[in-house]
Amino acid sequence: PPGPATPLTATATRASPAASAPAAMAAGALARSAADAAVSATGIAGPGGATANKPVGLVYLGWARRGSPAQAERHVFAGDRGAVRLATVRAALNLLLRVLD
C-alpha cells in the first residue's frame, strides 16, 4: 500500500529543488494545455540512484489547478521498481481525483 503523503510547505520546497520540481512540472503542464488540472511525478523508483537522504521509493507528486497555486507532496513507497512505479501512478490518480473534487 502507498505510504502516507507529506504535504510540503513553501519553506520545504524552496529548500529542496527536488521538492519544488513536481509543482513546477504540473504548473508548466497546465500552462501549456487547455486542461483544468495537471499532476506530475518525480522520484527514485530504483533499483539504483538512491542516497542516504533520497531512498529508493522516494516520490514527489505535484499538482496544479487553474486559479490556484501549484503544490507538491512527498511519498515513500515500498517495494521494487515495479511496485514503486505502480504505487506512484495510483497515488497520482488519487491525487487528481482529490484536486478535481
Protein backbone atom coordinates (compact mmCIF):
# COMPACT_ATOMS: atom_id res chain seq x y z
CA PRO A 1 0.00 0.00 0.00
CA PRO A 2 1.09 3.57 -0.58
CA GLY A 3 2.87 5.36 2.23
CA PRO A 4 1.36 8.45 3.82
CA ALA A 5 1.73 11.70 1.93
CA THR A 6 3.63 14.55 3.49
CA PRO A 7 2.41 17.95 2.25
CA LEU A 8 5.30 20.27 1.51
CA THR A 9 5.45 23.73 2.97
CA ALA A 10 6.70 26.71 0.99
CA THR A 11 9.89 26.63 3.04
CA ALA A 12 10.48 22.97 2.25
CA THR A 13 10.01 23.47 -1.48
CA ARG A 14 12.42 26.41 -1.54
CA ALA A 15 15.00 24.41 0.41
CA SER A 16 14.86 21.35 -1.85
CA PRO A 17 14.90 21.60 -5.63
CA ALA A 18 13.58 18.02 -5.78
CA ALA A 19 10.57 19.08 -3.73
CA SER A 20 9.79 22.13 -5.87
CA ALA A 21 10.25 20.38 -9.23
CA PRO A 22 6.92 18.49 -9.29
CA ALA A 23 4.90 21.63 -8.53
CA ALA A 24 6.74 23.45 -11.33
CA MET A 25 6.21 20.49 -13.67
CA ALA A 26 2.46 20.46 -13.01
CA ALA A 27 2.21 24.24 -13.39
CA GLY A 28 4.10 24.02 -16.68
CA ALA A 29 1.83 21.27 -17.99
CA LEU A 30 -1.23 23.28 -17.03
CA ALA A 31 0.11 26.45 -18.67
CA ARG A 32 0.69 24.58 -21.93
CA SER A 33 -2.69 22.89 -22.13
CA ALA A 34 -6.40 23.53 -22.04
CA ALA A 35 -6.75 21.22 -19.02
CA ASP A 36 -8.27 22.34 -15.74
CA ALA A 37 -5.76 20.37 -13.65
CA ALA A 38 -2.41 18.63 -14.01
CA VAL A 39 -0.38 16.20 -11.93
CA SER A 40 3.30 15.29 -12.10
CA ALA A 41 5.66 12.81 -10.51
CA THR A 42 9.38 12.57 -9.98
CA GLY A 43 11.44 10.36 -7.74
CA ILE A 44 13.61 7.28 -7.37
CA ALA A 45 11.98 4.03 -8.41
CA GLY A 46 15.21 2.03 -8.13
CA PRO A 47 16.99 -0.21 -8.15
CA GLY A 48 19.80 2.37 -8.26
CA GLY A 49 20.02 6.09 -7.74
CA ALA A 50 19.35 6.18 -4.01
CA THR A 51 21.33 8.13 -1.43
CA ALA A 52 21.09 8.33 2.35
CA ASN A 53 18.69 11.29 2.05
CA LYS A 54 16.86 10.02 -1.03
CA PRO A 55 15.94 6.35 -0.64
CA VAL A 56 14.50 4.11 -3.33
CA GLY A 57 10.76 4.69 -3.25
CA LEU A 58 11.00 8.44 -2.61
CA VAL A 59 8.47 10.14 -4.88
CA TYR A 60 7.28 13.72 -5.10
CA LEU A 61 3.86 14.36 -6.64
CA GLY A 62 2.88 17.80 -7.85
CA TRP A 63 -0.45 19.23 -8.87
CA ALA A 64 -1.87 22.42 -10.26
CA ARG A 65 -5.39 23.61 -10.84
CA ARG A 66 -6.39 26.72 -12.76
CA GLY A 67 -6.66 29.69 -10.43
CA SER A 68 -4.73 28.03 -7.59
CA PRO A 69 -1.02 27.82 -6.77
CA ALA A 70 0.77 24.60 -7.70
CA GLN A 71 1.59 22.31 -4.77
CA ALA A 72 3.54 19.14 -4.06
CA GLU A 73 3.67 16.32 -1.57
CA ARG A 74 6.27 13.73 -0.61
CA HIS A 75 5.73 9.97 -0.54
CA VAL A 76 7.95 7.00 0.23
CA PHE A 77 6.70 3.77 -1.35
CA ALA A 78 7.98 0.28 -0.51
CA GLY A 79 8.95 -2.42 -2.94
CA ASP A 80 10.90 -2.97 -6.10
CA ARG A 81 10.92 -0.69 -9.15
CA GLY A 82 7.61 -2.05 -10.45
CA ALA A 83 5.88 -1.67 -7.10
CA VAL A 84 7.15 1.90 -6.68
CA ARG A 85 6.01 2.85 -10.18
CA LEU A 86 2.57 1.29 -9.65
CA ALA A 87 2.15 2.99 -6.27
CA THR A 88 3.19 6.30 -7.86
CA VAL A 89 0.57 6.01 -10.61
CA ARG A 90 -2.13 5.06 -8.11
CA ALA A 91 -1.22 7.95 -5.82
CA ALA A 92 -1.13 10.39 -8.76
CA LEU A 93 -4.56 9.31 -9.96
CA ASN A 94 -6.00 9.55 -6.44
CA LEU A 95 -4.41 12.98 -6.13
CA LEU A 96 -6.06 14.06 -9.38
CA LEU A 97 -9.42 12.88 -8.05
CA ARG A 98 -8.88 14.93 -4.86
CA VAL A 99 -7.84 18.00 -6.86
CA LEU A 100 -10.92 17.79 -9.06
CA ASP A 101 -13.32 17.14 -6.18
